[in-house]
Amino acid sequence: MEFYVPSIGDELWLSRDWKFTLYKETRNQKFFHEHLELVEPYEGRFIDLDDDHPAVILRNTYTAYGAVITLPTGTQLVVDRIYIRKGKSQYDSITFKLKDHPKGLEGRFWVKLEDANTIACKLTPVNPQAGNPNRFEGIEL
């Protein structure tokens, strides 16, 4: 395994379905409400990602912190923000833009680093590494 820290603007294509938690937080509200069809089914649970839309979903996989979402193989994501701070690992996160989805969906959302580390993808970096510009071109992670 080669270690790679993405740069802002790096593009990745999912090489398998990616399941993650979309956390209950204001920066994820718009994505959540625009893409309810991505939420995993679960009987009899409700979720409220903001005060203006109580019990917005009648079926979802519910956690105490958000809903489980699955993006399918072939979805293209762009790294939009990376947040890592010493001593504050509970806030480690990566924000993605959904650039290409099989159903044409778009949007911006963040995930915790632990979820991002489960992504299997092909990667095209926006700024290839100095010395060997093709080092990570199309790399499989």
Protein backbone atom coordinates (compact mmCIF):
# COMPACT_ATOMS: atom_id res chain seq x y z
CA MET A 1 0.00 0.00 0.00
CA GLU A 2 1.24 3.48 -0.86
CA PHE A 3 0.32 6.24 1.55
CA TYR A 4 -1.36 9.22 -0.08
CA VAL A 5 -2.83 12.38 1.44
CA PRO A 6 -5.17 14.01 -1.08
CA SER A 7 -4.93 17.64 -2.18
CA ILE A 8 -7.86 19.98 -2.60
CA GLY A 9 -9.25 19.34 -6.08
CA ASP A 10 -8.14 15.70 -6.35
CA GLU A 11 -10.74 13.61 -8.15
CA LEU A 12 -11.70 10.09 -7.17
CA TRP A 13 -13.96 7.52 -8.77
CA LEU A 14 -15.46 4.91 -6.45
CA SER A 15 -14.34 1.43 -7.45
CA ARG A 16 -16.93 -0.16 -5.11
CA ASP A 17 -20.04 1.09 -3.33
CA TRP A 18 -19.17 3.37 -0.41
CA LYS A 19 -21.32 3.32 2.73
CA PHE A 20 -20.78 6.11 5.28
CA THR A 21 -22.55 8.14 7.94
CA LEU A 22 -23.83 11.55 6.89
CA TYR A 23 -23.61 13.39 10.20
CA LYS A 24 -26.28 15.61 11.67
CA GLU A 25 -24.63 18.98 11.21
CA THR A 26 -25.62 22.16 9.37
CA ARG A 27 -23.04 21.76 6.59
CA ASN A 28 -24.65 18.42 5.61
CA GLN A 29 -28.31 19.53 5.79
CA LYS A 30 -28.69 20.68 2.18
CA PHE A 31 -27.10 17.51 0.76
CA PHE A 32 -29.25 15.34 3.02
CA HIS A 33 -32.53 17.01 2.11
CA GLU A 34 -31.75 17.07 -1.62
CA HIS A 35 -30.77 13.39 -1.76
CA LEU A 36 -33.17 11.46 0.45
CA GLU A 37 -33.11 8.57 -2.04
CA LEU A 38 -29.52 7.77 -0.98
CA VAL A 39 -30.52 7.02 2.61
CA GLU A 40 -30.38 3.35 3.53
CA PRO A 41 -33.81 1.85 4.42
CA TYR A 42 -34.55 0.95 8.01
CA GLU A 43 -37.99 0.24 9.44
CA GLY A 44 -39.77 2.60 11.77
CA ARG A 45 -37.00 5.11 12.42
CA PHE A 46 -37.03 8.86 12.06
CA ILE A 47 -34.26 11.35 11.68
CA ASP A 48 -34.17 15.11 12.05
CA LEU A 49 -31.10 16.79 10.60
CA ASP A 50 -32.35 20.25 11.53
CA ASP A 51 -35.03 21.97 13.57
CA ASP A 52 -36.99 23.12 10.50
CA HIS A 53 -37.59 19.60 9.17
CA PRO A 54 -38.55 17.35 12.08
CA ALA A 55 -39.05 13.68 11.26
CA VAL A 56 -38.27 14.40 7.63
CA ILE A 57 -37.65 10.76 6.76
CA LEU A 58 -39.92 7.84 7.49
CA ARG A 59 -37.38 5.19 6.55
CA ASN A 60 -33.63 5.26 7.04
CA THR A 61 -30.74 3.67 8.75
CA TYR A 62 -30.54 5.77 11.84
CA THR A 63 -27.62 6.44 14.11
CA ALA A 64 -27.54 8.85 17.01
CA TYR A 65 -25.59 11.22 14.80
CA GLY A 66 -27.02 10.94 11.31
CA ALA A 67 -28.06 8.61 8.51
CA VAL A 68 -26.21 5.92 6.62
CA ILE A 69 -25.75 6.79 2.94
CA THR A 70 -24.45 4.62 0.10
CA LEU A 71 -22.85 6.05 -3.04
CA PRO A 72 -22.54 3.54 -5.89
CA THR A 73 -19.48 2.35 -7.78
CA GLY A 74 -18.47 4.84 -10.46
CA THR A 75 -19.49 7.94 -8.52
CA GLN A 76 -16.96 10.76 -8.94
CA LEU A 77 -15.99 12.85 -5.92
CA VAL A 78 -13.74 15.89 -5.69
CA VAL A 79 -11.83 16.70 -2.49
CA ASP A 80 -13.04 20.15 -1.42
CA ARG A 81 -11.74 20.57 2.15
CA ILE A 82 -9.58 18.64 4.59
CA TYR A 83 -9.67 19.36 8.31
CA ILE A 84 -7.20 17.70 10.67
CA ARG A 85 -6.12 19.26 13.93
CA LYS A 86 -3.76 17.92 16.58
CA GLY A 87 -5.60 17.06 19.76
CA LYS A 88 -9.03 17.36 18.12
CA SER A 89 -9.32 14.07 16.24
CA GLN A 90 -13.10 14.01 16.76
CA TYR A 91 -13.25 16.83 14.17
CA ASP A 92 -11.01 15.20 11.52
CA SER A 93 -12.99 15.35 8.30
CA ILE A 94 -12.94 15.60 4.53
CA THR A 95 -15.48 17.55 2.50
CA PHE A 96 -16.33 16.26 -0.96
CA LYS A 97 -18.21 17.63 -3.93
CA LEU A 98 -20.31 15.04 -5.70
CA LYS A 99 -19.27 15.68 -9.28
CA ASP A 100 -20.63 12.72 -11.22
CA HIS A 101 -23.23 10.26 -9.96
CA PRO A 102 -24.98 7.56 -12.05
CA LYS A 103 -28.31 9.39 -11.47
CA GLY A 104 -26.86 12.87 -12.08
CA LEU A 105 -26.93 13.93 -8.43
CA GLU A 106 -24.72 16.80 -7.24
CA GLY A 107 -23.87 18.40 -3.91
CA ARG A 108 -21.33 18.96 -1.17
CA PHE A 109 -20.98 17.03 2.10
CA TRP A 110 -18.41 16.15 4.73
CA VAL A 111 -17.52 12.84 6.33
CA LYS A 112 -15.35 11.87 9.25
CA LEU A 113 -11.85 10.74 8.37
CA GLU A 114 -12.63 7.21 9.58
CA ASP A 115 -15.37 6.94 6.92
CA ALA A 116 -13.19 8.52 4.22
CA ASN A 117 -10.53 5.89 4.93
CA THR A 118 -12.94 3.16 3.80
CA ILE A 119 -13.18 4.51 0.23
CA ALA A 120 -11.96 2.21 -2.54
CA CYS A 121 -11.28 4.36 -5.58
CA LYS A 122 -9.24 5.35 -8.58
CA LEU A 123 -7.57 8.69 -8.05
CA THR A 124 -6.49 11.52 -10.32
CA PRO A 125 -4.57 14.14 -8.36
CA VAL A 126 -4.92 17.79 -9.31
CA ASN A 127 -1.24 18.42 -8.49
CA PRO A 128 0.84 15.33 -9.37
CA GLN A 129 3.88 14.80 -7.18
CA ALA A 130 7.08 16.58 -8.24
CA GLY A 131 9.68 14.35 -9.87
CA ASN A 132 7.22 11.86 -11.30
CA PRO A 133 4.02 13.54 -12.56
CA ASN A 134 2.36 10.19 -13.30
CA ARG A 135 3.12 8.61 -9.91
CA PHE A 136 -0.48 8.66 -8.73
CA GLU A 137 -2.31 9.04 -12.05
CA GLY A 138 -5.19 6.59 -11.97
CA ILE A 139 -3.89 4.98 -8.76
CA GLU A 140 -6.17 2.39 -7.19
CA LEU A 141 -6.66 3.02 -3.47
